[in-house]
Amino acid sequence: MKKGYLEFPSEKHEQSMKEMIQAMKDENNPFGINGDGFFERFGTYQQWVSRLKKNHLGIELDDGFVPSTEFLYVVDDVVIGCINIRDCLNEALRRQGGHIGYSIHPDYRRQGYATDMLKQALKFCQQWEIEPVLITCHYENIASRKTIEKCGGIFESQYEDTLRFWIGGENNERF
């Protein structure tokens, strides 16, 4: 496994991001695409990046949204993952969604990339004093559950079809 890194989306990622989103759509993943900053809601890549900048700064947020930062996980200049860190939680995110949402390109799954991406995101959470961190996944998404647990996730509860895990804080210092 080559080492990847987190990077804020820019023009240089446009084609690679579009290819990753298409690959995820083509596989008909029952869990959907998570952590992509609602990529497909925007007419152009530039509009998406513009919205992400506003979300990061917490300005002109859509109803129900909280300030958040989108990162792309890049290996050899190819986007193979996306992860969204939410600065705080509203009631909806406390139930489902949590502080972090993420996805990995289907061709790069089961190779440790999701774990590495999440660990890097958790370091940002620690630097930004977002702790403890709530991460959720669908109860049937075994791969995501294992990723969360590898990163120190402690299962707290299930809300409908969503499993809720906490990482960090006084009771769990594993970043």
N, C-alpha and C. Protein backbone atom coordinates (compact mmCIF):
# COMPACT_ATOMS: atom_id res chain seq x y z
N MET A 1 0.83 -1.18 0.00
CA MET A 1 0.00 0.00 0.00
C MET A 1 0.88 1.24 0.00
N LYS A 2 0.65 2.10 -0.96
CA LYS A 2 1.36 3.37 -1.01
C LYS A 2 0.69 4.33 -0.04
N LYS A 3 1.48 5.22 0.52
CA LYS A 3 0.96 6.18 1.49
C LYS A 3 0.16 7.27 0.78
N GLY A 4 -1.02 7.55 1.28
CA GLY A 4 -1.84 8.62 0.76
C GLY A 4 -1.80 9.82 1.69
N TYR A 5 -2.40 10.90 1.27
CA TYR A 5 -2.44 12.10 2.08
C TYR A 5 -3.76 12.82 1.85
N LEU A 6 -4.16 13.63 2.82
CA LEU A 6 -5.37 14.41 2.72
C LEU A 6 -5.04 15.77 2.13
N GLU A 7 -5.90 16.22 1.22
CA GLU A 7 -5.70 17.50 0.58
C GLU A 7 -7.06 18.14 0.31
N PHE A 8 -7.13 19.46 0.51
CA PHE A 8 -8.38 20.18 0.21
C PHE A 8 -8.60 20.12 -1.30
N PRO A 9 -9.83 19.91 -1.76
CA PRO A 9 -10.10 19.84 -3.20
C PRO A 9 -9.67 21.11 -3.94
N SER A 10 -9.08 20.91 -5.10
CA SER A 10 -8.69 22.03 -5.96
C SER A 10 -8.92 21.61 -7.41
N GLU A 11 -8.66 22.54 -8.33
CA GLU A 11 -8.90 22.27 -9.75
C GLU A 11 -8.15 21.04 -10.24
N LYS A 12 -6.97 20.79 -9.71
CA LYS A 12 -6.17 19.67 -10.19
C LYS A 12 -6.82 18.31 -9.91
N HIS A 13 -7.80 18.28 -9.00
CA HIS A 13 -8.45 17.01 -8.64
C HIS A 13 -9.73 16.74 -9.41
N GLU A 14 -10.15 17.69 -10.24
CA GLU A 14 -11.48 17.59 -10.84
C GLU A 14 -11.73 16.27 -11.56
N GLN A 15 -10.90 15.92 -12.51
CA GLN A 15 -11.13 14.70 -13.30
C GLN A 15 -11.08 13.45 -12.43
N SER A 16 -10.10 13.39 -11.56
CA SER A 16 -9.94 12.23 -10.70
C SER A 16 -11.12 12.07 -9.74
N MET A 17 -11.63 13.18 -9.22
CA MET A 17 -12.79 13.12 -8.33
C MET A 17 -14.02 12.64 -9.09
N LYS A 18 -14.22 13.16 -10.29
CA LYS A 18 -15.36 12.72 -11.10
C LYS A 18 -15.27 11.22 -11.40
N GLU A 19 -14.08 10.74 -11.68
CA GLU A 19 -13.90 9.31 -11.96
C GLU A 19 -14.20 8.46 -10.74
N MET A 20 -13.80 8.93 -9.55
CA MET A 20 -14.08 8.17 -8.33
C MET A 20 -15.59 8.13 -8.07
N ILE A 21 -16.26 9.26 -8.20
CA ILE A 21 -17.70 9.30 -7.99
C ILE A 21 -18.41 8.37 -8.98
N GLN A 22 -17.99 8.39 -10.23
CA GLN A 22 -18.61 7.52 -11.24
C GLN A 22 -18.39 6.04 -10.90
N ALA A 23 -17.19 5.70 -10.46
CA ALA A 23 -16.90 4.30 -10.09
C ALA A 23 -17.79 3.87 -8.93
N MET A 24 -18.02 4.77 -8.00
CA MET A 24 -18.86 4.43 -6.86
C MET A 24 -20.32 4.29 -7.28
N LYS A 25 -20.77 5.13 -8.19
CA LYS A 25 -22.13 5.00 -8.71
C LYS A 25 -22.30 3.70 -9.49
N ASP A 26 -21.29 3.35 -10.29
CA ASP A 26 -21.36 2.15 -11.12
C ASP A 26 -21.46 0.87 -10.30
N GLU A 27 -20.90 0.87 -9.11
CA GLU A 27 -20.93 -0.35 -8.29
C GLU A 27 -22.24 -0.51 -7.53
N ASN A 28 -23.11 0.52 -7.55
CA ASN A 28 -24.39 0.45 -6.85
C ASN A 28 -24.24 0.09 -5.38
N ASN A 29 -23.33 0.76 -4.71
CA ASN A 29 -23.08 0.54 -3.30
C ASN A 29 -24.36 0.83 -2.51
N PRO A 30 -24.85 -0.14 -1.75
CA PRO A 30 -26.10 0.08 -1.02
C PRO A 30 -25.97 1.13 0.08
N PHE A 31 -24.74 1.49 0.46
CA PHE A 31 -24.53 2.46 1.53
C PHE A 31 -24.35 3.87 0.99
N GLY A 32 -24.37 4.02 -0.32
CA GLY A 32 -24.26 5.33 -0.94
C GLY A 32 -22.84 5.88 -0.90
N ILE A 33 -22.70 7.13 -1.30
CA ILE A 33 -21.41 7.81 -1.28
C ILE A 33 -21.43 8.75 -0.09
N ASN A 34 -20.52 8.55 0.84
CA ASN A 34 -20.45 9.35 2.05
C ASN A 34 -19.19 10.21 2.04
N GLY A 35 -19.26 11.34 2.70
CA GLY A 35 -18.08 12.19 2.85
C GLY A 35 -17.68 12.95 1.61
N ASP A 36 -18.58 13.05 0.63
CA ASP A 36 -18.23 13.71 -0.63
C ASP A 36 -18.73 15.15 -0.71
N GLY A 37 -19.24 15.68 0.39
CA GLY A 37 -19.73 17.05 0.37
C GLY A 37 -20.88 17.26 -0.60
N PHE A 38 -21.66 16.23 -0.80
CA PHE A 38 -22.83 16.28 -1.71
C PHE A 38 -22.41 16.71 -3.12
N PHE A 39 -21.36 16.10 -3.60
CA PHE A 39 -20.75 16.41 -4.90
C PHE A 39 -21.78 16.53 -6.03
N GLU A 40 -22.69 15.58 -6.09
CA GLU A 40 -23.61 15.53 -7.23
C GLU A 40 -24.72 16.58 -7.20
N ARG A 41 -24.83 17.33 -6.13
CA ARG A 41 -25.85 18.39 -6.07
C ARG A 41 -25.44 19.63 -6.85
N PHE A 42 -24.20 19.69 -7.29
CA PHE A 42 -23.68 20.90 -7.92
C PHE A 42 -23.51 20.71 -9.42
N GLY A 43 -23.77 21.78 -10.16
CA GLY A 43 -23.68 21.73 -11.61
C GLY A 43 -22.27 21.58 -12.13
N THR A 44 -21.32 22.19 -11.42
CA THR A 44 -19.93 22.10 -11.85
C THR A 44 -19.02 21.79 -10.67
N TYR A 45 -17.86 21.32 -10.98
CA TYR A 45 -16.85 21.04 -9.96
C TYR A 45 -16.49 22.34 -9.22
N GLN A 46 -16.39 23.44 -9.96
CA GLN A 46 -16.02 24.72 -9.36
C GLN A 46 -17.09 25.18 -8.36
N GLN A 47 -18.36 24.95 -8.66
CA GLN A 47 -19.42 25.30 -7.72
C GLN A 47 -19.31 24.47 -6.45
N TRP A 48 -18.97 23.20 -6.61
CA TRP A 48 -18.79 22.31 -5.46
C TRP A 48 -17.66 22.83 -4.58
N VAL A 49 -16.50 23.13 -5.16
CA VAL A 49 -15.35 23.61 -4.39
C VAL A 49 -15.69 24.93 -3.71
N SER A 50 -16.41 25.80 -4.39
CA SER A 50 -16.82 27.07 -3.80
C SER A 50 -17.69 26.84 -2.56
N ARG A 51 -18.63 25.89 -2.67
CA ARG A 51 -19.50 25.57 -1.53
C ARG A 51 -18.68 24.99 -0.38
N LEU A 52 -17.69 24.14 -0.70
CA LEU A 52 -16.85 23.54 0.34
C LEU A 52 -16.09 24.61 1.11
N LYS A 53 -15.61 25.61 0.40
CA LYS A 53 -14.88 26.71 1.07
C LYS A 53 -15.80 27.44 2.04
N LYS A 54 -17.04 27.68 1.62
CA LYS A 54 -18.00 28.34 2.51
C LYS A 54 -18.34 27.45 3.71
N ASN A 55 -18.51 26.16 3.46
CA ASN A 55 -18.78 25.23 4.56
C ASN A 55 -17.64 25.23 5.57
N HIS A 56 -16.42 25.26 5.07
CA HIS A 56 -15.23 25.27 5.94
C HIS A 56 -15.23 26.52 6.83
N LEU A 57 -15.63 27.63 6.25
CA LEU A 57 -15.65 28.89 6.99
C LEU A 57 -16.94 29.08 7.80
N GLY A 58 -17.92 28.20 7.57
CA GLY A 58 -19.17 28.29 8.30
C GLY A 58 -20.06 29.43 7.85
N ILE A 59 -19.94 29.84 6.58
CA ILE A 59 -20.76 30.94 6.09
C ILE A 59 -21.78 30.45 5.06
N GLU A 60 -22.94 31.08 5.09
CA GLU A 60 -24.04 30.74 4.19
C GLU A 60 -24.35 29.24 4.18
N LEU A 61 -24.36 28.65 5.36
CA LEU A 61 -24.64 27.22 5.45
C LEU A 61 -26.10 26.93 5.11
N ASP A 62 -26.31 25.84 4.40
CA ASP A 62 -27.67 25.39 4.12
C ASP A 62 -28.33 24.97 5.44
N ASP A 63 -29.66 25.02 5.49
CA ASP A 63 -30.39 24.60 6.68
C ASP A 63 -30.00 23.18 7.06
N GLY A 64 -29.75 22.98 8.34
CA GLY A 64 -29.40 21.66 8.84
C GLY A 64 -27.93 21.32 8.73
N PHE A 65 -27.14 22.18 8.11
CA PHE A 65 -25.70 21.93 7.95
C PHE A 65 -24.92 22.60 9.07
N VAL A 66 -23.74 22.06 9.33
CA VAL A 66 -22.81 22.63 10.30
C VAL A 66 -21.50 22.91 9.58
N PRO A 67 -20.64 23.77 10.13
CA PRO A 67 -19.33 23.98 9.50
C PRO A 67 -18.60 22.65 9.34
N SER A 68 -17.94 22.48 8.19
CA SER A 68 -17.25 21.22 7.91
C SER A 68 -16.11 21.45 6.94
N THR A 69 -15.20 20.51 6.93
CA THR A 69 -14.05 20.57 6.02
C THR A 69 -13.99 19.29 5.22
N GLU A 70 -13.91 19.44 3.92
CA GLU A 70 -13.81 18.32 2.98
C GLU A 70 -12.35 18.10 2.61
N PHE A 71 -11.92 16.86 2.69
CA PHE A 71 -10.60 16.49 2.20
C PHE A 71 -10.73 15.38 1.17
N LEU A 72 -9.81 15.37 0.24
CA LEU A 72 -9.67 14.25 -0.68
C LEU A 72 -8.47 13.45 -0.23
N TYR A 73 -8.56 12.14 -0.35
CA TYR A 73 -7.45 11.26 -0.02
C TYR A 73 -6.78 10.90 -1.34
N VAL A 74 -5.52 11.28 -1.47
CA VAL A 74 -4.82 11.21 -2.75
C VAL A 74 -3.62 10.27 -2.65
N VAL A 75 -3.48 9.41 -3.65
CA VAL A 75 -2.33 8.51 -3.79
C VAL A 75 -1.83 8.65 -5.22
N ASP A 76 -0.56 8.97 -5.38
CA ASP A 76 0.02 9.15 -6.73
C ASP A 76 -0.83 10.09 -7.59
N ASP A 77 -1.24 11.20 -7.03
CA ASP A 77 -2.04 12.22 -7.73
C ASP A 77 -3.41 11.73 -8.18
N VAL A 78 -3.90 10.64 -7.62
CA VAL A 78 -5.23 10.11 -7.95
C VAL A 78 -6.09 10.16 -6.69
N VAL A 79 -7.29 10.71 -6.82
CA VAL A 79 -8.23 10.75 -5.71
C VAL A 79 -8.81 9.34 -5.54
N ILE A 80 -8.55 8.75 -4.37
CA ILE A 80 -9.10 7.42 -4.11
C ILE A 80 -10.06 7.42 -2.93
N GLY A 81 -10.24 8.58 -2.31
CA GLY A 81 -11.16 8.67 -1.19
C GLY A 81 -11.56 10.10 -0.91
N CYS A 82 -12.62 10.24 -0.14
CA CYS A 82 -13.05 11.56 0.31
C CYS A 82 -13.53 11.42 1.74
N ILE A 83 -13.31 12.48 2.50
CA ILE A 83 -13.69 12.46 3.91
C ILE A 83 -14.11 13.85 4.33
N ASN A 84 -15.18 13.92 5.09
CA ASN A 84 -15.73 15.19 5.52
C ASN A 84 -15.72 15.23 7.04
N ILE A 85 -15.09 16.27 7.59
CA ILE A 85 -15.02 16.46 9.04
C ILE A 85 -15.97 17.59 9.42
N ARG A 86 -16.93 17.27 10.27
CA ARG A 86 -17.89 18.27 10.75
C ARG A 86 -17.41 18.82 12.09
N ASP A 87 -17.36 20.13 12.19
CA ASP A 87 -16.81 20.78 13.38
C ASP A 87 -17.63 20.55 14.63
N CYS A 88 -18.93 20.36 14.48
CA CYS A 88 -19.82 20.17 15.62
C CYS A 88 -21.00 19.32 15.17
N LEU A 89 -21.84 18.99 16.11
CA LEU A 89 -22.99 18.13 15.80
C LEU A 89 -24.29 18.86 16.07
N ASN A 90 -25.26 18.69 15.18
CA ASN A 90 -26.63 19.10 15.47
C ASN A 90 -27.38 17.82 15.87
N GLU A 91 -28.65 17.94 16.16
CA GLU A 91 -29.39 16.76 16.62
C GLU A 91 -29.42 15.64 15.57
N ALA A 92 -29.58 16.01 14.31
CA ALA A 92 -29.62 14.98 13.26
C ALA A 92 -28.29 14.24 13.17
N LEU A 93 -27.18 14.97 13.23
CA LEU A 93 -25.86 14.33 13.14
C LEU A 93 -25.54 13.50 14.38
N ARG A 94 -26.11 13.86 15.52
CA ARG A 94 -25.92 13.04 16.73
C ARG A 94 -26.54 11.66 16.55
N ARG A 95 -27.62 11.60 15.80
CA ARG A 95 -28.28 10.31 15.57
C ARG A 95 -27.60 9.54 14.45
N GLN A 96 -27.40 10.21 13.32
CA GLN A 96 -26.83 9.57 12.14
C GLN A 96 -25.90 10.55 11.44
N GLY A 97 -24.71 10.13 11.15
CA GLY A 97 -23.75 10.97 10.43
C GLY A 97 -22.51 11.27 11.23
N GLY A 98 -22.68 11.77 12.45
CA GLY A 98 -21.54 12.04 13.31
C GLY A 98 -20.64 13.16 12.80
N HIS A 99 -19.41 13.17 13.32
CA HIS A 99 -18.42 14.18 12.95
C HIS A 99 -17.75 13.89 11.62
N ILE A 100 -17.71 12.63 11.21
CA ILE A 100 -16.93 12.27 10.02
C ILE A 100 -17.74 11.33 9.13
N GLY A 101 -17.71 11.63 7.83
CA GLY A 101 -18.25 10.72 6.82
C GLY A 101 -17.17 10.49 5.78
N TYR A 102 -17.08 9.28 5.24
CA TYR A 102 -16.00 8.99 4.29
C TYR A 102 -16.39 7.89 3.32
N SER A 103 -15.69 7.86 2.19
CA SER A 103 -15.83 6.80 1.19
C SER A 103 -14.48 6.55 0.52
N ILE A 104 -14.30 5.34 0.04
CA ILE A 104 -13.09 4.94 -0.68
C ILE A 104 -13.50 4.40 -2.05
N HIS A 105 -12.75 4.75 -3.07
CA HIS A 105 -12.96 4.24 -4.43
C HIS A 105 -13.02 2.71 -4.38
N PRO A 106 -13.98 2.10 -5.07
CA PRO A 106 -14.12 0.64 -5.02
C PRO A 106 -12.84 -0.13 -5.34
N ASP A 107 -12.01 0.36 -6.25
CA ASP A 107 -10.79 -0.35 -6.63
C ASP A 107 -9.72 -0.33 -5.54
N TYR A 108 -9.91 0.48 -4.50
CA TYR A 108 -8.89 0.64 -3.46
C TYR A 108 -9.35 0.17 -2.09
N ARG A 109 -10.46 -0.52 -2.05
CA ARG A 109 -10.97 -1.04 -0.78
C ARG A 109 -10.19 -2.28 -0.35
N ARG A 110 -10.27 -2.57 0.95
CA ARG A 110 -9.63 -3.74 1.56
C ARG A 110 -8.10 -3.73 1.40
N GLN A 111 -7.55 -2.52 1.35
CA GLN A 111 -6.10 -2.38 1.22
C GLN A 111 -5.52 -1.49 2.32
N GLY A 112 -6.35 -1.08 3.27
CA GLY A 112 -5.89 -0.25 4.38
C GLY A 112 -6.01 1.25 4.16
N TYR A 113 -6.48 1.65 2.99
CA TYR A 113 -6.57 3.08 2.70
C TYR A 113 -7.62 3.78 3.56
N ALA A 114 -8.76 3.16 3.77
CA ALA A 114 -9.80 3.80 4.59
C ALA A 114 -9.30 4.03 6.00
N THR A 115 -8.60 3.06 6.55
CA THR A 115 -8.05 3.20 7.90
C THR A 115 -7.04 4.34 7.95
N ASP A 116 -6.15 4.39 6.97
CA ASP A 116 -5.15 5.46 6.95
C ASP A 116 -5.83 6.83 6.79
N MET A 117 -6.80 6.92 5.91
CA MET A 117 -7.51 8.18 5.69
C MET A 117 -8.20 8.63 6.98
N LEU A 118 -8.89 7.71 7.65
CA LEU A 118 -9.58 8.06 8.88
C LEU A 118 -8.59 8.47 9.97
N LYS A 119 -7.48 7.77 10.09
CA LYS A 119 -6.47 8.14 11.10
C LYS A 119 -5.95 9.55 10.85
N GLN A 120 -5.71 9.89 9.58
CA GLN A 120 -5.25 11.24 9.27
C GLN A 120 -6.31 12.28 9.62
N ALA A 121 -7.56 11.98 9.33
CA ALA A 121 -8.65 12.91 9.66
C ALA A 121 -8.77 13.09 11.17
N LEU A 122 -8.58 12.01 11.91
CA LEU A 122 -8.67 12.10 13.37
C LEU A 122 -7.57 12.99 13.94
N LYS A 123 -6.43 13.05 13.28
CA LYS A 123 -5.37 13.96 13.73
C LYS A 123 -5.81 15.42 13.57
N PHE A 124 -6.52 15.71 12.48
CA PHE A 124 -7.08 17.06 12.33
C PHE A 124 -8.09 17.33 13.44
N CYS A 125 -8.94 16.36 13.72
CA CYS A 125 -9.93 16.54 14.79
C CYS A 125 -9.23 16.87 16.11
N GLN A 126 -8.17 16.18 16.39
CA GLN A 126 -7.43 16.43 17.63
C GLN A 126 -6.83 17.83 17.63
N GLN A 127 -6.22 18.23 16.52
CA GLN A 127 -5.65 19.58 16.42
C GLN A 127 -6.72 20.65 16.58
N TRP A 128 -7.91 20.40 16.05
CA TRP A 128 -9.00 21.38 16.08
C TRP A 128 -9.85 21.23 17.35
N GLU A 129 -9.43 20.34 18.25
CA GLU A 129 -10.11 20.10 19.52
C GLU A 129 -11.55 19.64 19.33
N ILE A 130 -11.74 18.81 18.32
CA ILE A 130 -13.02 18.13 18.11
C ILE A 130 -12.87 16.75 18.74
N GLU A 131 -13.28 16.64 19.99
CA GLU A 131 -13.18 15.36 20.66
C GLU A 131 -14.12 15.33 21.86
N PRO A 132 -14.68 14.19 22.14
CA PRO A 132 -14.55 12.96 21.37
C PRO A 132 -15.25 13.09 20.01
N VAL A 133 -14.91 12.18 19.11
CA VAL A 133 -15.42 12.19 17.74
C VAL A 133 -16.45 11.07 17.59
N LEU A 134 -17.62 11.45 17.09
CA LEU A 134 -18.66 10.47 16.81
C LEU A 134 -18.57 10.07 15.34
N ILE A 135 -18.51 8.78 15.10
CA ILE A 135 -18.51 8.25 13.73
C ILE A 135 -19.60 7.18 13.66
N THR A 136 -20.36 7.22 12.59
CA THR A 136 -21.45 6.26 12.44
C THR A 136 -21.31 5.48 11.14
N CYS A 137 -21.96 4.34 11.10
CA CYS A 137 -22.03 3.56 9.86
C CYS A 137 -23.29 2.71 9.88
N HIS A 138 -23.70 2.28 8.72
CA HIS A 138 -24.85 1.39 8.60
C HIS A 138 -24.49 0.06 9.27
N TYR A 139 -25.45 -0.55 9.95
CA TYR A 139 -25.17 -1.78 10.69
C TYR A 139 -24.71 -2.93 9.78
N GLU A 140 -25.03 -2.89 8.49
CA GLU A 140 -24.59 -3.94 7.57
C GLU A 140 -23.24 -3.62 6.91
N ASN A 141 -22.70 -2.45 7.14
CA ASN A 141 -21.44 -2.05 6.52
C ASN A 141 -20.27 -2.54 7.39
N ILE A 142 -19.96 -3.80 7.26
CA ILE A 142 -18.93 -4.45 8.08
C ILE A 142 -17.56 -3.82 7.85
N ALA A 143 -17.23 -3.48 6.61
CA ALA A 143 -15.93 -2.89 6.32
C ALA A 143 -15.75 -1.55 7.05
N SER A 144 -16.78 -0.72 7.03
CA SER A 144 -16.69 0.57 7.72
C SER A 144 -16.60 0.36 9.23
N ARG A 145 -17.37 -0.58 9.73
CA ARG A 145 -17.30 -0.86 11.17
C ARG A 145 -15.89 -1.27 11.58
N LYS A 146 -15.27 -2.15 10.80
CA LYS A 146 -13.91 -2.59 11.12
C LYS A 146 -12.92 -1.44 11.04
N THR A 147 -13.11 -0.56 10.05
CA THR A 147 -12.23 0.61 9.91
C THR A 147 -12.34 1.49 11.16
N ILE A 148 -13.56 1.77 11.58
CA ILE A 148 -13.79 2.61 12.76
C ILE A 148 -13.16 1.97 13.98
N GLU A 149 -13.35 0.68 14.16
CA GLU A 149 -12.78 -0.02 15.32
C GLU A 149 -11.26 -0.04 15.28
N LYS A 150 -10.65 -0.20 14.10
CA LYS A 150 -9.19 -0.17 13.98
C LYS A 150 -8.63 1.18 14.41
N CYS A 151 -9.44 2.22 14.25
CA CYS A 151 -9.01 3.58 14.61
C CYS A 151 -9.38 3.94 16.04
N GLY A 152 -9.84 2.95 16.79
CA GLY A 152 -10.13 3.18 18.21
C GLY A 152 -11.59 3.39 18.54
N GLY A 153 -12.47 3.20 17.58
CA GLY A 153 -13.89 3.41 17.81
C GLY A 153 -14.46 2.46 18.85
N ILE A 154 -15.18 3.03 19.79
CA ILE A 154 -15.86 2.26 20.83
C ILE A 154 -17.35 2.34 20.56
N PHE A 155 -17.97 1.18 20.35
CA PHE A 155 -19.41 1.13 20.06
C PHE A 155 -20.19 1.67 21.25
N GLU A 156 -21.12 2.59 20.96
CA GLU A 156 -21.97 3.13 22.02
C GLU A 156 -23.40 2.61 21.91
N SER A 157 -23.99 2.74 20.70
CA SER A 157 -25.39 2.38 20.57
C SER A 157 -25.77 2.25 19.10
N GLN A 158 -26.98 1.79 18.89
CA GLN A 158 -27.54 1.72 17.55
C GLN A 158 -28.79 2.58 17.52
N TYR A 159 -28.89 3.42 16.50
CA TYR A 159 -30.08 4.23 16.27
C TYR A 159 -30.64 3.80 14.91
N GLU A 160 -31.82 3.19 14.93
CA GLU A 160 -32.41 2.62 13.73
C GLU A 160 -31.38 1.70 13.07
N ASP A 161 -30.96 1.98 11.81
CA ASP A 161 -29.99 1.10 11.14
C ASP A 161 -28.56 1.62 11.24
N THR A 162 -28.31 2.56 12.15
CA THR A 162 -27.01 3.21 12.26
C THR A 162 -26.30 2.82 13.55
N LEU A 163 -25.06 2.37 13.41
CA LEU A 163 -24.21 2.09 14.56
C LEU A 163 -23.43 3.35 14.91
N ARG A 164 -23.30 3.64 16.21
CA ARG A 164 -22.64 4.86 16.68
C ARG A 164 -21.41 4.50 17.49
N PHE A 165 -20.26 5.09 17.10
CA PHE A 165 -18.98 4.85 17.76
C PHE A 165 -18.36 6.18 18.18
N TRP A 166 -17.62 6.13 19.29
CA TRP A 166 -16.89 7.31 19.75
C TRP A 166 -15.39 7.01 19.75
N ILE A 167 -14.61 8.02 19.36
CA ILE A 167 -13.14 7.92 19.38
C ILE A 167 -12.61 9.16 20.09
N GLY A 168 -11.65 8.93 20.99
CA GLY A 168 -10.99 10.04 21.67
C GLY A 168 -11.79 10.51 22.88
N GLY A 169 -11.31 11.61 23.45
CA GLY A 169 -11.93 12.15 24.64
C GLY A 169 -11.34 11.50 25.88
N GLU A 170 -11.89 11.82 27.03
CA GLU A 170 -11.35 11.34 28.31
C GLU A 170 -11.37 9.83 28.45
N ASN A 171 -12.39 9.19 27.91
CA ASN A 171 -12.53 7.75 28.09
C ASN A 171 -11.85 6.93 27.00
N ASN A 172 -11.35 7.56 25.96
CA ASN A 172 -10.78 6.82 24.83
C ASN A 172 -9.76 7.71 24.13
N GLU A 173 -8.53 7.62 24.52
CA GLU A 173 -7.47 8.50 24.01
C GLU A 173 -6.70 7.89 22.85
N ARG A 174 -7.38 7.37 21.83
CA ARG A 174 -6.69 6.71 20.71
C ARG A 174 -6.84 7.48 19.43
N PHE A 175 -5.93 8.39 19.16
CA PHE A 175 -5.94 9.08 17.86
C PHE A 175 -4.81 8.52 17.05
